[in-house]
């Protein structure tokens, strides 16, 4: 939206209302102006800072799984490596891939 199309709107709040506005600003990570605008026009659910942290944490886990998968792939490609008896590296590699798929789906739902 171009700056020339925007209009300034002043509003006065009671102290408790202002405190609630500040709480929502911290909770959502939005500016007070954007928060009021979204509430006024009813643009879907407000974002949550907690969700952003959860997504970041899940992305870190996904990166760790990718590194583990890459190490397993290098191990599987190494012709000199003999896995211990009863260790199924192919199955473990598949488990890592499935865990990554599940994490990606969970992240997309957040």
Protein backbone atom coordinates (compact mmCIF):
# COMPACT_ATOMS: atom_id res chain seq x y z
CA UNK A 1 0.00 0.00 0.00
CA UNK A 2 1.47 3.33 -1.01
CA UNK A 3 2.12 5.85 1.75
CA UNK A 4 -0.10 8.41 0.01
CA UNK A 5 -3.11 6.09 0.27
CA UNK A 6 -2.85 5.60 4.02
CA UNK A 7 -4.82 7.68 6.51
CA UNK A 8 -3.87 8.35 10.11
CA UNK A 9 -6.42 7.28 12.71
CA UNK A 10 -5.98 8.30 16.33
CA UNK A 11 -7.47 6.29 19.12
CA UNK A 12 -7.50 6.65 22.88
CA UNK A 13 -7.38 3.68 25.21
CA UNK A 14 -8.02 3.19 28.88
CA UNK A 15 -4.91 2.00 30.76
CA UNK A 16 -6.16 -1.60 30.94
CA UNK A 17 -7.00 -1.59 27.22
CA UNK A 18 -3.57 -0.19 26.38
CA UNK A 19 -1.93 -2.87 28.52
CA UNK A 20 -3.89 -5.52 26.61
CA UNK A 21 -2.81 -3.99 23.30
CA UNK A 22 0.83 -4.06 24.42
CA UNK A 23 0.44 -7.69 25.53
CA UNK A 24 -0.93 -8.63 22.12
CA UNK A 25 1.86 -6.73 20.37
CA UNK A 26 4.44 -8.77 22.30
CA UNK A 27 2.52 -12.01 21.76
CA UNK A 28 2.14 -11.58 18.00
CA UNK A 29 5.30 -9.72 17.09
CA UNK A 30 3.27 -7.20 15.08
CA UNK A 31 3.37 -3.44 15.41
CA UNK A 32 0.45 -1.86 17.27
CA UNK A 33 -0.71 -0.29 14.01
CA UNK A 34 -0.66 -3.60 12.11
CA UNK A 35 -2.35 -5.41 15.00
CA UNK A 36 -5.22 -2.92 15.18
CA UNK A 37 -5.57 -2.97 11.38
CA UNK A 38 -5.76 -6.79 11.31
CA UNK A 39 -8.26 -6.89 14.17
CA UNK A 40 -10.41 -4.23 12.50
CA UNK A 41 -10.59 -5.92 9.10
CA UNK A 42 -10.72 -9.43 10.58
CA UNK A 43 -7.77 -10.83 8.60
CA UNK A 44 -7.59 -14.39 9.92
CA UNK A 45 -5.85 -15.56 13.07
CA UNK A 46 -3.12 -13.42 14.55
CA UNK A 47 0.41 -14.80 14.43
CA UNK A 48 2.00 -16.08 17.59
CA UNK A 49 5.61 -15.54 18.60
CA UNK A 50 5.46 -18.94 20.32
CA UNK A 51 4.61 -20.58 16.99
CA UNK A 52 7.61 -18.90 15.39
CA UNK A 53 9.87 -20.35 18.08
CA UNK A 54 8.34 -23.81 17.67
CA UNK A 55 8.87 -23.65 13.89
CA UNK A 56 12.50 -22.58 14.40
CA UNK A 57 13.06 -25.46 16.82
CA UNK A 58 11.48 -27.97 14.42
CA UNK A 59 13.60 -26.61 11.57
CA UNK A 60 16.73 -27.16 13.68
CA UNK A 61 15.66 -30.74 14.35
CA UNK A 62 15.03 -31.22 10.63
CA UNK A 63 18.53 -29.92 9.86
CA UNK A 64 19.99 -32.34 12.41
CA UNK A 65 18.09 -35.20 10.78
CA UNK A 66 19.42 -34.13 7.37
CA UNK A 67 22.97 -34.20 8.71
CA UNK A 68 22.37 -37.64 10.23
CA UNK A 69 20.93 -38.86 6.93
CA UNK A 70 23.94 -37.55 5.04
CA UNK A 71 26.31 -39.31 7.44
CA UNK A 72 24.34 -42.55 7.06
CA UNK A 73 24.47 -42.21 3.28
CA UNK A 74 28.25 -41.74 3.40
CA UNK A 75 28.48 -44.82 5.62
CA UNK A 76 26.33 -46.87 3.24
CA UNK A 77 28.44 -45.75 0.27
CA UNK A 78 31.70 -46.69 2.02
CA UNK A 79 32.69 -50.11 0.65
CA UNK A 80 35.15 -50.70 3.52
CA UNK A 81 32.52 -50.32 6.24
CA UNK A 82 31.04 -53.50 7.71
CA UNK A 83 28.10 -52.76 10.01
CA UNK A 84 27.84 -54.74 13.22
CA UNK A 85 25.56 -57.77 13.16
CA UNK A 86 21.88 -56.89 13.53
CA UNK A 87 22.30 -53.25 12.48
CA UNK A 88 20.05 -52.31 9.57
CA UNK A 89 21.51 -49.08 8.17
CA UNK A 90 19.09 -49.01 5.23
CA UNK A 91 16.17 -49.22 7.67
CA UNK A 92 17.69 -46.50 9.83
CA UNK A 93 18.20 -44.31 6.76
CA UNK A 94 14.53 -44.83 5.81
CA UNK A 95 13.45 -43.98 9.38
CA UNK A 96 15.36 -40.69 9.19
CA UNK A 97 13.66 -39.84 5.88
CA UNK A 98 10.22 -40.64 7.32
CA UNK A 99 10.94 -38.50 10.41
CA UNK A 100 11.93 -35.61 8.13
CA UNK A 101 8.71 -35.97 6.13
CA UNK A 102 6.68 -35.95 9.35
CA UNK A 103 8.49 -32.87 10.65
CA UNK A 104 7.96 -31.00 7.38
CA UNK A 105 4.23 -31.78 7.53
CA UNK A 106 4.02 -30.56 11.13
CA UNK A 107 5.87 -27.34 10.25
CA UNK A 108 3.54 -26.72 7.31
CA UNK A 109 0.52 -27.09 9.63
CA UNK A 110 1.85 -24.46 12.02
